[in-house]
Protein backbone atom coordinates (compact mmCIF):
# COMPACT_ATOMS: atom_id res chain seq x y z
CA MET A 1 -29.51 93.76 74.93
CA LYS A 2 -25.79 93.02 74.81
CA LYS A 3 -24.87 89.49 75.48
CA ILE A 4 -21.85 89.10 77.87
CA ARG A 5 -21.63 85.48 77.38
CA ASP A 6 -23.44 82.17 75.86
CA HIS A 7 -25.04 80.34 78.62
CA LYS A 8 -22.82 77.17 77.37
CA GLU A 9 -19.36 79.11 77.82
CA TYR A 10 -17.21 77.65 80.69
CA GLU A 11 -16.10 80.61 83.24
CA GLY A 12 -14.19 78.22 85.45
CA ASN A 13 -14.94 77.15 89.00
CA PRO A 14 -14.15 78.28 92.10
CA VAL A 15 -13.82 74.77 93.81
CA GLY A 16 -10.96 72.97 91.99
CA LEU A 17 -13.11 70.71 89.88
CA ASP A 18 -11.58 69.41 86.40
CA ASP A 19 -12.88 71.28 83.63
CA LYS A 20 -14.09 68.14 81.95
CA ALA A 21 -16.21 67.07 84.98
CA CYS A 22 -17.82 70.31 85.14
CA GLU A 23 -18.85 70.06 81.47
CA VAL A 24 -20.26 66.71 81.84
CA MET A 25 -21.85 67.41 85.07
CA ARG A 26 -23.49 70.57 83.25
CA LYS A 27 -25.08 68.57 80.37
CA HIS A 28 -26.57 66.24 83.26
CA LEU A 29 -27.73 69.04 85.60
CA ASP A 30 -29.19 71.00 82.87
CA ARG A 31 -31.47 67.72 82.21
CA HIS A 32 -32.38 67.54 85.62
CA LEU A 33 -33.26 71.09 85.79
CA ALA A 34 -35.72 70.74 82.90
CA SER A 35 -37.29 67.75 83.96
CA LEU A 36 -37.66 69.16 87.53
CA TRP A 37 -39.14 72.44 86.21
CA ILE A 38 -41.75 70.08 83.89
CA GLN A 39 -42.69 68.23 86.83
CA TYR A 40 -42.95 71.40 89.02
CA PHE A 41 -45.56 72.78 86.25
CA GLN A 42 -47.20 69.25 86.21
CA TYR A 43 -47.93 69.40 90.08
CA HIS A 44 -48.83 72.80 89.90
CA LYS A 45 -51.85 71.95 87.52
CA HIS A 46 -52.79 69.02 89.34
CA HIS A 47 -53.04 71.20 92.35
CA TRP A 48 -55.31 73.82 90.60
CA LEU A 49 -57.47 71.48 89.17
CA VAL A 50 -57.72 68.53 91.79
CA GLU A 51 -61.52 68.05 92.90
CA GLY A 52 -63.25 65.34 94.83
CA PRO A 53 -63.67 63.93 97.99
CA GLN A 54 -59.91 63.61 98.69
CA PHE A 55 -59.27 67.37 97.45
CA ARG A 56 -57.71 68.76 100.45
CA ASP A 57 -55.36 65.81 100.93
CA LEU A 58 -54.51 65.94 97.51
CA HIS A 59 -54.34 69.77 97.11
CA LEU A 60 -51.55 69.73 100.08
CA PHE A 61 -49.81 66.90 98.69
CA LEU A 62 -49.58 68.41 95.37
CA GLU A 63 -48.51 71.75 97.14
CA ASN A 64 -45.85 70.05 98.92
CA ASN A 65 -44.50 68.54 96.16
CA TYR A 66 -44.42 71.36 93.77
CA THR A 67 -42.52 73.47 96.69
CA GLU A 68 -40.09 70.59 97.38
CA ILE A 69 -39.39 70.57 93.36
CA HIS A 70 -38.86 74.03 93.61
CA ALA A 71 -36.32 74.06 96.12
CA GLN A 72 -34.21 71.29 94.30
CA ALA A 73 -34.69 72.85 90.68
CA ASP A 74 -33.06 76.15 92.27
CA ALA A 75 -30.31 74.12 94.00
CA VAL A 76 -29.76 72.35 90.69
CA ALA A 77 -29.38 75.57 88.79
CA GLU A 78 -26.95 76.99 91.60
CA ARG A 79 -24.65 73.97 91.37
CA ILE A 80 -24.75 74.64 87.53
CA THR A 81 -23.02 78.15 88.29
CA LEU A 82 -20.85 76.51 90.69
CA LEU A 83 -19.57 74.55 87.86
CA GLY A 84 -18.84 77.58 86.02
CA PHE A 85 -21.80 77.45 83.46
CA ASP A 86 -25.07 79.28 83.18
CA PRO A 87 -28.17 77.26 83.51
CA THR A 88 -30.79 76.76 80.76
CA THR A 89 -33.56 79.04 81.52
CA ARG A 90 -35.93 79.25 78.61
CA MET A 91 -39.25 77.26 78.42
CA GLU A 92 -38.51 75.89 75.30
CA ASN A 93 -35.29 74.40 75.86
CA TYR A 94 -36.94 72.71 78.95
CA VAL A 95 -39.22 70.89 76.89
CA LYS A 96 -36.27 69.85 74.42
CA LEU A 97 -33.85 68.71 77.43
CA ALA A 98 -36.37 66.98 79.77
CA TYR A 99 -36.55 63.36 79.76
CA ILE A 100 -39.96 63.41 80.74
CA GLU A 101 -43.23 64.91 79.39
CA GLN A 102 -45.85 67.32 80.67
CA GLU A 103 -49.50 66.02 79.88
CA PRO A 104 -51.45 67.97 77.16
CA GLU A 105 -53.47 70.94 78.01
CA GLY A 106 -56.89 69.97 79.63
CA VAL A 107 -58.32 68.34 82.78
CA PHE A 108 -58.02 64.79 83.34
CA ARG A 109 -58.93 62.48 85.97
CA ILE A 110 -56.98 63.08 88.98
CA ARG A 111 -56.06 59.60 89.47
CA ASP A 112 -54.58 59.68 85.84
CA GLY A 113 -52.60 62.82 86.65
CA ILE A 114 -51.03 61.09 89.89
CA LYS A 115 -50.41 58.18 87.96
CA ALA A 116 -48.39 60.25 85.54
CA ASP A 117 -46.48 61.93 88.28
CA MET A 118 -45.55 58.78 89.55
CA GLU A 119 -43.99 57.54 86.30
CA ASN A 120 -42.14 60.82 86.09
CA GLU A 121 -40.66 60.41 89.39
CA LYS A 122 -39.60 57.02 88.57
CA ALA A 123 -38.08 58.41 85.35
CA MET A 124 -36.35 61.07 87.27
CA ALA A 125 -34.95 58.49 90.05
CA VAL A 126 -33.51 56.47 86.94
CA GLU A 127 -31.98 59.60 85.55
CA PHE A 128 -30.75 60.93 88.74
CA ARG A 129 -28.83 57.41 89.73
CA LYS A 130 -27.09 57.41 86.37
CA SER A 131 -25.75 61.27 87.07
CA ILE A 132 -24.83 59.97 90.71
CA LYS A 133 -22.63 57.23 89.15
CA VAL A 134 -21.24 59.96 86.75
CA ALA A 135 -20.62 62.32 89.02
CA LEU A 136 -18.56 59.89 91.35
CA GLU A 137 -16.67 58.87 88.27
CA HIS A 138 -15.58 62.59 87.97
CA GLY A 139 -14.81 63.17 91.66
CA ASP A 140 -17.63 65.93 91.80
CA PHE A 141 -18.50 64.70 95.42
CA GLY A 142 -20.62 67.92 95.69
CA THR A 143 -22.72 67.02 92.89
CA LYS A 144 -22.98 63.58 93.72
CA SER A 145 -24.41 64.47 97.52
CA MET A 146 -26.99 66.94 96.22
CA LEU A 147 -28.28 64.30 93.75
CA GLU A 148 -28.36 61.53 96.31
CA GLU A 149 -30.36 63.74 98.81
CA PHE A 150 -32.78 64.71 95.79
CA LEU A 151 -33.10 61.14 94.88
CA PHE A 152 -34.41 60.23 98.54
CA LYS A 153 -37.01 62.85 97.84
CA ILE A 154 -37.92 61.87 94.24
CA GLU A 155 -38.22 58.27 95.48
CA ASP A 156 -40.37 59.42 98.37
CA ARG A 157 -42.50 61.52 96.41
CA ALA A 158 -43.20 58.42 93.86
CA HIS A 159 -43.79 56.11 97.06
CA HIS A 160 -46.59 58.65 98.03
CA CYS A 161 -48.16 58.96 94.58
CA GLU A 162 -48.73 55.09 94.86
CA HIS A 163 -50.27 55.37 98.30
CA PHE A 164 -52.92 57.40 96.89
CA LEU A 165 -53.32 55.19 93.82
CA GLY A 166 -53.80 52.28 95.99
CA GLU A 167 -57.11 50.31 95.96
CA ASP A 168 -58.00 50.06 99.63
CA SER A 169 -59.42 53.14 101.82
CA LEU A 170 -61.57 53.92 104.80
CA SER A 171 -64.49 54.93 102.59
CA VAL A 172 -64.40 51.88 100.43
CA GLY A 173 -64.11 49.80 103.53
CA PHE A 174 -66.71 51.57 105.25
CA LEU A 175 -69.21 51.19 102.08
CA HIS A 176 -68.59 47.46 101.95
CA THR A 177 -69.34 46.99 105.63
CA GLU A 178 -72.45 48.99 105.28
CA LYS A 179 -73.64 47.10 102.53
CA GLU A 180 -72.85 43.68 104.08
CA ALA A 181 -74.73 44.84 106.98
CA ARG A 182 -77.88 45.64 104.94
CA ASN A 183 -77.51 42.24 103.31
CA ASN A 184 -77.39 40.39 106.46
């Protein structure tokens, strides 16, 4: 197979962005792309393996998250092409570029998985904020706008993970009330 160009080779951009801005933002976006794919597979794993009384709610929540992340990863990759580069596409490179880690193979308690998901979302939020500042400094308002939109969704996913990890639930309250009634 004959290669047309290296994926890090700059081919120019059609929107008049400075070449340096494109190079800088490509690096940021490639790291986000890698991390989004890691998180995508993480949510997928939890979606496949979740069990227990909250199975349906968690199953749907996890599916919604990986679906949303898939759309974000696609948009990030498209933005990289707009900037005049080809996005990283090899799995082993995603692992090297990502700033989050995927949990090891095996089945873990879903509570631990959701906590890891929340921590990954938090790490992504921190990194997206850094990239938003850099995009603004380089006058790349399109990338800045896209990242801000995604940051809101990332923060929302982290917040919803936090809700699932909460201590109180109707079932705990019901059992607690039932126990009190028996003791009175």
